[in-house]
Structure formats: structure tokens, C-alpha cells
Amino acid sequence: MPYPFVYVTCDVERGPYRQADYTYRADPLVKLRCVPTLLRIRNGEVVGRLNDVQCQSLPTLEEFLLGDE
């Protein structure tokens, strides 16, 4: 049975985002490296991640959003 999900979007300013101490880059869970990034977080752990290039592939995106893991 697929897990329910909550879609959360976070605005990222391109200029400050490139700094190493930017909030989402420095966060130990998020570890943002590129925009856009999609994360699957389950029980407080990242169990899936798509980077900017992977987000452009419809089959990859569908598998990430609709797959069971």
C-alpha cells in the first residue's frame, strides 16, 4: 500500500542559495545541492531524492511520485 504524502514547496532565492551556509544547504537532513530537488522523507530520514536533471525525466518523476519506495 503506498504511503500518503504531503507536498511541501520551499522558495529558494538563487543568489543566497549558492552560499554554503544557506539554510537548506546547511540542513543535515535536506542537504540541498541543486534546484529543483525532490525529497522523500519517511520517519525523519531521506529515503529518496531527485536532483534537477532527474526531475526533468517524466518516467523518473512518475516512478518517484507513484512508486512504493
PDB file of N, CA and C in Angstrom:
ATOM      1  N   MET A   1       0.842  -1.176   0.000  1.00  0.00           N
ATOM      2  CA  MET A   1       0.000   0.000   0.000  1.00  0.00           C
ATOM      3  C   MET A   1       0.895   1.249   0.000  1.00  0.00           C
ATOM      4  N   PRO A   2       0.686   2.175  -0.920  1.00  0.00           N
ATOM      5  CA  PRO A   2       1.501   3.383  -0.965  1.00  0.00           C
ATOM      6  C   PRO A   2       1.313   4.241   0.280  1.00  0.00           C
ATOM      7  N   TYR A   3       2.374   4.904   0.646  1.00  0.00           N
ATOM      8  CA  TYR A   3       2.309   5.817   1.782  1.00  0.00           C
ATOM      9  C   TYR A   3       1.587   7.089   1.369  1.00  0.00           C
ATOM     10  N   PRO A   4       0.819   7.686   2.271  1.00  0.00           N
ATOM     11  CA  PRO A   4       0.248   9.002   1.978  1.00  0.00           C
ATOM     12  C   PRO A   4       1.391  10.012   1.911  1.00  0.00           C
ATOM     13  N   PHE A   5       1.173  11.097   1.214  1.00  0.00           N
ATOM     14  CA  PHE A   5       2.250  12.074   1.144  1.00  0.00           C
ATOM     15  C   PHE A   5       1.725  13.481   1.288  1.00  0.00           C
ATOM     16  N   VAL A   6       2.627  14.346   1.650  1.00  0.00           N
ATOM     17  CA  VAL A   6       2.367  15.770   1.779  1.00  0.00           C
ATOM     18  C   VAL A   6       3.371  16.458   0.882  1.00  0.00           C
ATOM     19  N   TYR A   7       2.882  17.320   0.027  1.00  0.00           N
ATOM     20  CA  TYR A   7       3.737  18.067  -0.884  1.00  0.00           C
ATOM     21  C   TYR A   7       4.047  19.410  -0.239  1.00  0.00           C
ATOM     22  N   VAL A   8       5.326  19.690  -0.051  1.00  0.00           N
ATOM     23  CA  VAL A   8       5.753  20.945   0.557  1.00  0.00           C
ATOM     24  C   VAL A   8       6.683  21.638  -0.425  1.00  0.00           C
ATOM     25  N   THR A   9       6.450  22.897  -0.656  1.00  0.00           N
ATOM     26  CA  THR A   9       7.337  23.664  -1.530  1.00  0.00           C
ATOM     27  C   THR A   9       8.042  24.730  -0.698  1.00  0.00           C
ATOM     28  N   CYS A  10       9.307  24.951  -0.994  1.00  0.00           N
ATOM     29  CA  CYS A  10      10.100  25.950  -0.285  1.00  0.00           C
ATOM     30  C   CYS A  10      10.707  26.897  -1.308  1.00  0.00           C
ATOM     31  N   ASP A  11      10.472  28.168  -1.120  1.00  0.00           N
ATOM     32  CA  ASP A  11      11.063  29.154  -2.019  1.00  0.00           C
ATOM     33  C   ASP A  11      12.560  29.260  -1.755  1.00  0.00           C
ATOM     34  N   VAL A  12      13.325  29.283  -2.839  1.00  0.00           N
ATOM     35  CA  VAL A  12      14.777  29.366  -2.747  1.00  0.00           C
ATOM     36  C   VAL A  12      15.231  30.535  -3.599  1.00  0.00           C
ATOM     37  N   GLU A  13      15.948  31.456  -2.985  1.00  0.00           N
ATOM     38  CA  GLU A  13      16.492  32.595  -3.721  1.00  0.00           C
ATOM     39  C   GLU A  13      17.818  32.167  -4.356  1.00  0.00           C
ATOM     40  N   ARG A  14      17.942  32.364  -5.665  1.00  0.00           N
ATOM     41  CA  ARG A  14      19.123  31.877  -6.377  1.00  0.00           C
ATOM     42  C   ARG A  14      20.443  32.443  -5.859  1.00  0.00           C
ATOM     43  N   GLY A  15      20.504  33.728  -5.561  1.00  0.00           N
ATOM     44  CA  GLY A  15      21.757  34.322  -5.095  1.00  0.00           C
ATOM     45  C   GLY A  15      22.233  33.717  -3.783  1.00  0.00           C
ATOM     46  N   PRO A  16      21.459  33.881  -2.711  1.00  0.00           N
ATOM     47  CA  PRO A  16      21.871  33.346  -1.413  1.00  0.00           C
ATOM     48  C   PRO A  16      21.980  31.812  -1.399  1.00  0.00           C
ATOM     49  N   TYR A  17      21.195  31.132  -2.221  1.00  0.00           N
ATOM     50  CA  TYR A  17      21.192  29.665  -2.250  1.00  0.00           C
ATOM     51  C   TYR A  17      22.578  29.099  -2.542  1.00  0.00           C
ATOM     52  N   ARG A  18      23.393  29.808  -3.274  1.00  0.00           N
ATOM     53  CA  ARG A  18      24.712  29.316  -3.657  1.00  0.00           C
ATOM     54  C   ARG A  18      25.733  29.376  -2.519  1.00  0.00           C
ATOM     55  N   GLN A  19      25.393  30.040  -1.436  1.00  0.00           N
ATOM     56  CA  GLN A  19      26.311  30.135  -0.296  1.00  0.00           C
ATOM     57  C   GLN A  19      26.239  28.850   0.541  1.00  0.00           C
ATOM     58  N   ALA A  20      27.392  28.386   0.997  1.00  0.00           N
ATOM     59  CA  ALA A  20      27.475  27.116   1.739  1.00  0.00           C
ATOM     60  C   ALA A  20      26.653  27.125   3.021  1.00  0.00           C
ATOM     61  N   ASP A  21      26.445  28.298   3.618  1.00  0.00           N
ATOM     62  CA  ASP A  21      25.704  28.348   4.870  1.00  0.00           C
ATOM     63  C   ASP A  21      24.210  28.625   4.676  1.00  0.00           C
ATOM     64  N   TYR A  22      23.745  28.576   3.427  1.00  0.00           N
ATOM     65  CA  TYR A  22      22.321  28.773   3.148  1.00  0.00           C
ATOM     66  C   TYR A  22      21.515  27.722   3.916  1.00  0.00           C
ATOM     67  N   THR A  23      20.389  28.123   4.458  1.00  0.00           N
ATOM     68  CA  THR A  23      19.591  27.284   5.359  1.00  0.00           C
ATOM     69  C   THR A  23      19.399  25.862   4.851  1.00  0.00           C
ATOM     70  N   TYR A  24      18.931  25.686   3.627  1.00  0.00           N
ATOM     71  CA  TYR A  24      18.638  24.342   3.122  1.00  0.00           C
ATOM     72  C   TYR A  24      19.901  23.575   2.744  1.00  0.00           C
ATOM     73  N   ARG A  25      20.966  24.267   2.399  1.00  0.00           N
ATOM     74  CA  ARG A  25      22.241  23.593   2.123  1.00  0.00           C
ATOM     75  C   ARG A  25      22.856  23.068   3.412  1.00  0.00           C
ATOM     76  N   ALA A  26      22.766  23.868   4.460  1.00  0.00           N
ATOM     77  CA  ALA A  26      23.389  23.520   5.734  1.00  0.00           C
ATOM     78  C   ALA A  26      22.559  22.535   6.557  1.00  0.00           C
ATOM     79  N   ASP A  27      21.289  22.380   6.232  1.00  0.00           N
ATOM     80  CA  ASP A  27      20.425  21.490   7.000  1.00  0.00           C
ATOM     81  C   ASP A  27      20.916  20.046   6.852  1.00  0.00           C
ATOM     82  N   PRO A  28      21.130  19.337   7.961  1.00  0.00           N
ATOM     83  CA  PRO A  28      21.665  17.977   7.893  1.00  0.00           C
ATOM     84  C   PRO A  28      20.730  16.962   7.231  1.00  0.00           C
ATOM     85  N   LEU A  29      19.444  17.250   7.172  1.00  0.00           N
ATOM     86  CA  LEU A  29      18.509  16.344   6.509  1.00  0.00           C
ATOM     87  C   LEU A  29      18.355  16.692   5.035  1.00  0.00           C
ATOM     88  N   VAL A  30      18.153  17.955   4.738  1.00  0.00           N
ATOM     89  CA  VAL A  30      17.860  18.387   3.368  1.00  0.00           C
ATOM     90  C   VAL A  30      19.098  18.341   2.475  1.00  0.00           C
ATOM     91  N   LYS A  31      20.203  18.903   2.911  1.00  0.00           N
ATOM     92  CA  LYS A  31      21.464  18.906   2.153  1.00  0.00           C
ATOM     93  C   LYS A  31      21.249  19.324   0.702  1.00  0.00           C
ATOM     94  N   LEU A  32      20.568  20.431   0.505  1.00  0.00           N
ATOM     95  CA  LEU A  32      20.242  20.906  -0.844  1.00  0.00           C
ATOM     96  C   LEU A  32      21.503  21.184  -1.649  1.00  0.00           C
ATOM     97  N   ARG A  33      21.564  20.652  -2.867  1.00  0.00           N
ATOM     98  CA  ARG A  33      22.700  20.858  -3.748  1.00  0.00           C
ATOM     99  C   ARG A  33      22.300  21.471  -5.086  1.00  0.00           C
ATOM    100  N   CYS A  34      21.023  21.345  -5.453  1.00  0.00           N
ATOM    101  CA  CYS A  34      20.563  21.885  -6.724  1.00  0.00           C
ATOM    102  C   CYS A  34      19.073  22.187  -6.624  1.00  0.00           C
ATOM    103  N   VAL A  35      18.613  23.000  -7.572  1.00  0.00           N
ATOM    104  CA  VAL A  35      17.207  23.401  -7.622  1.00  0.00           C
ATOM    105  C   VAL A  35      16.688  23.094  -9.013  1.00  0.00           C
ATOM    106  N   PRO A  36      15.616  22.362  -9.144  1.00  0.00           N
ATOM    107  CA  PRO A  36      14.791  21.801  -8.079  1.00  0.00           C
ATOM    108  C   PRO A  36      15.377  20.508  -7.522  1.00  0.00           C
ATOM    109  N   THR A  37      14.947  20.165  -6.343  1.00  0.00           N
ATOM    110  CA  THR A  37      15.253  18.889  -5.703  1.00  0.00           C
ATOM    111  C   THR A  37      13.962  18.382  -5.083  1.00  0.00           C
ATOM    112  N   LEU A  38      13.681  17.125  -5.278  1.00  0.00           N
ATOM    113  CA  LEU A  38      12.536  16.490  -4.614  1.00  0.00           C
ATOM    114  C   LEU A  38      13.073  15.494  -3.604  1.00  0.00           C
ATOM    115  N   LEU A  39      12.507  15.516  -2.412  1.00  0.00           N
ATOM    116  CA  LEU A  39      12.918  14.593  -1.358  1.00  0.00           C
ATOM    117  C   LEU A  39      11.739  13.742  -0.926  1.00  0.00           C
ATOM    118  N   ARG A  40      12.018  12.488  -0.653  1.00  0.00           N
ATOM    119  CA  ARG A  40      11.038  11.625   0.007  1.00  0.00           C
ATOM    120  C   ARG A  40      11.598  11.391   1.404  1.00  0.00           C
ATOM    121  N   ILE A  41      10.857  11.843   2.400  1.00  0.00           N
ATOM    122  CA  ILE A  41      11.291  11.712   3.786  1.00  0.00           C
ATOM    123  C   ILE A  41      10.288  10.830   4.512  1.00  0.00           C
ATOM    124  N   ARG A  42      10.813   9.810   5.140  1.00  0.00           N
ATOM    125  CA  ARG A  42       9.955   8.879   5.875  1.00  0.00           C
ATOM    126  C   ARG A  42      10.564   8.659   7.250  1.00  0.00           C
ATOM    127  N   ASN A  43       9.768   8.868   8.279  1.00  0.00           N
ATOM    128  CA  ASN A  43      10.224   8.681   9.666  1.00  0.00           C
ATOM    129  C   ASN A  43      11.488   9.477   9.959  1.00  0.00           C
ATOM    130  N   GLY A  44      11.545  10.701   9.428  1.00  0.00           N
ATOM    131  CA  GLY A  44      12.661  11.586   9.717  1.00  0.00           C
ATOM    132  C   GLY A  44      13.935  11.313   8.947  1.00  0.00           C
ATOM    133  N   GLU A  45      13.887  10.427   7.937  1.00  0.00           N
ATOM    134  CA  GLU A  45      15.062  10.111   7.127  1.00  0.00           C
ATOM    135  C   GLU A  45      14.745  10.291   5.653  1.00  0.00           C
ATOM    136  N   VAL A  46      15.711  10.776   4.900  1.00  0.00           N
ATOM    137  CA  VAL A  46      15.557  10.883   3.450  1.00  0.00           C
ATOM    138  C   VAL A  46      15.707   9.481   2.869  1.00  0.00           C
ATOM    139  N   VAL A  47      14.659   9.001   2.206  1.00  0.00           N
ATOM    140  CA  VAL A  47      14.681   7.666   1.602  1.00  0.00           C
ATOM    141  C   VAL A  47      14.630   7.743   0.077  1.00  0.00           C
ATOM    142  N   GLY A  48      14.546   8.962  -0.456  1.00  0.00           N
ATOM    143  CA  GLY A  48      14.553   9.159  -1.902  1.00  0.00           C
ATOM    144  C   GLY A  48      14.859  10.604  -2.224  1.00  0.00           C
ATOM    145  N   ARG A  49      15.537  10.800  -3.342  1.00  0.00           N
ATOM    146  CA  ARG A  49      15.922  12.153  -3.744  1.00  0.00           C
ATOM    147  C   ARG A  49      16.040  12.194  -5.262  1.00  0.00           C
ATOM    148  N   LEU A  50      15.484  13.246  -5.851  1.00  0.00           N
ATOM    149  CA  LEU A  50      15.679  13.515  -7.281  1.00  0.00           C
ATOM    150  C   LEU A  50      16.351  14.877  -7.401  1.00  0.00           C
ATOM    151  N   ASN A  51      17.384  14.945  -8.234  1.00  0.00           N
ATOM    152  CA  ASN A  51      18.053  16.222  -8.453  1.00  0.00           C
ATOM    153  C   ASN A  51      17.429  16.953  -9.634  1.00  0.00           C
ATOM    154  N   ASP A  52      18.004  18.084  -9.999  1.00  0.00           N
ATOM    155  CA  ASP A  52      17.427  18.914 -11.056  1.00  0.00           C
ATOM    156  C   ASP A  52      17.325  18.183 -12.391  1.00  0.00           C
ATOM    157  N   VAL A  53      18.331  17.428 -12.764  1.00  0.00           N
ATOM    158  CA  VAL A  53      18.306  16.697 -14.040  1.00  0.00           C
ATOM    159  C   VAL A  53      17.282  15.567 -13.988  1.00  0.00           C
ATOM    160  N   GLN A  54      17.248  14.827 -12.900  1.00  0.00           N
ATOM    161  CA  GLN A  54      16.298  13.722 -12.759  1.00  0.00           C
ATOM    162  C   GLN A  54      14.854  14.213 -12.765  1.00  0.00           C
ATOM    163  N   CYS A  55      14.614  15.412 -12.261  1.00  0.00           N
ATOM    164  CA  CYS A  55      13.264  15.977 -12.236  1.00  0.00           C
ATOM    165  C   CYS A  55      12.745  16.279 -13.640  1.00  0.00           C
ATOM    166  N   GLN A  56      13.623  16.352 -14.621  1.00  0.00           N
ATOM    167  CA  GLN A  56      13.226  16.645 -15.999  1.00  0.00           C
ATOM    168  C   GLN A  56      12.794  15.403 -16.761  1.00  0.00           C
ATOM    169  N   SER A  57      13.001  14.232 -16.200  1.00  0.00           N
ATOM    170  CA  SER A  57      12.628  12.978 -16.849  1.00  0.00           C
ATOM    171  C   SER A  57      11.259  12.535 -16.337  1.00  0.00           C
ATOM    172  N   LEU A  58      10.265  12.564 -17.213  1.00  0.00           N
ATOM    173  CA  LEU A  58       8.912  12.190 -16.806  1.00  0.00           C
ATOM    174  C   LEU A  58       8.847  10.771 -16.240  1.00  0.00           C
ATOM    175  N   PRO A  59       9.460   9.762 -16.875  1.00  0.00           N
ATOM    176  CA  PRO A  59       9.398   8.415 -16.287  1.00  0.00           C
ATOM    177  C   PRO A  59      10.038   8.347 -14.886  1.00  0.00           C
ATOM    178  N   THR A  60      11.146   9.043 -14.707  1.00  0.00           N
ATOM    179  CA  THR A  60      11.814   9.056 -13.405  1.00  0.00           C
ATOM    180  C   THR A  60      10.946   9.759 -12.370  1.00  0.00           C
ATOM    181  N   LEU A  61      10.362  10.867 -12.766  1.00  0.00           N
ATOM    182  CA  LEU A  61       9.487  11.630 -11.879  1.00  0.00           C
ATOM    183  C   LEU A  61       8.253  10.815 -11.494  1.00  0.00           C
ATOM    184  N   GLU A  62       7.640  10.144 -12.466  1.00  0.00           N
ATOM    185  CA  GLU A  62       6.467   9.313 -12.179  1.00  0.00           C
ATOM    186  C   GLU A  62       6.818   8.187 -11.218  1.00  0.00           C
ATOM    187  N   GLU A  63       7.940   7.542 -11.457  1.00  0.00           N
ATOM    188  CA  GLU A  63       8.355   6.444 -10.569  1.00  0.00           C
ATOM    189  C   GLU A  63       8.581   6.963  -9.148  1.00  0.00           C
ATOM    190  N   PHE A  64       9.201   8.115  -9.040  1.00  0.00           N
ATOM    191  CA  PHE A  64       9.470   8.701  -7.725  1.00  0.00           C
ATOM    192  C   PHE A  64       8.166   9.027  -6.997  1.00  0.00           C
ATOM    193  N   LEU A  65       7.231   9.639  -7.706  1.00  0.00           N
ATOM    194  CA  LEU A  65       5.976  10.070  -7.082  1.00  0.00           C
ATOM    195  C   LEU A  65       4.970   8.950  -6.885  1.00  0.00           C
ATOM    196  N   LEU A  66       4.957   7.998  -7.791  1.00  0.00           N
ATOM    197  CA  LEU A  66       3.926   6.959  -7.746  1.00  0.00           C
ATOM    198  C   LEU A  66       4.430   5.605  -7.258  1.00  0.00           C
ATOM    199  N   GLY A  67       5.745   5.423  -7.244  1.00  0.00           N
ATOM    200  CA  GLY A  67       6.300   4.151  -6.806  1.00  0.00           C
ATOM    201  C   GLY A  67       6.092   3.938  -5.324  1.00  0.00           C
ATOM    202  N   ASP A  68       6.297   2.728  -4.875  1.00  0.00           N
ATOM    203  CA  ASP A  68       6.054   2.411  -3.468  1.00  0.00           C
ATOM    204  C   ASP A  68       7.272   2.648  -2.590  1.00  0.00           C
ATOM    205  N   GLU A  69       8.399   2.993  -3.148  1.00  0.00           N
ATOM    206  CA  GLU A  69       9.594   3.220  -2.338  1.00  0.00           C
ATOM    207  C   GLU A  69      10.272   4.440  -2.731  1.00  0.00           C
TER     208      GLU A  69
END
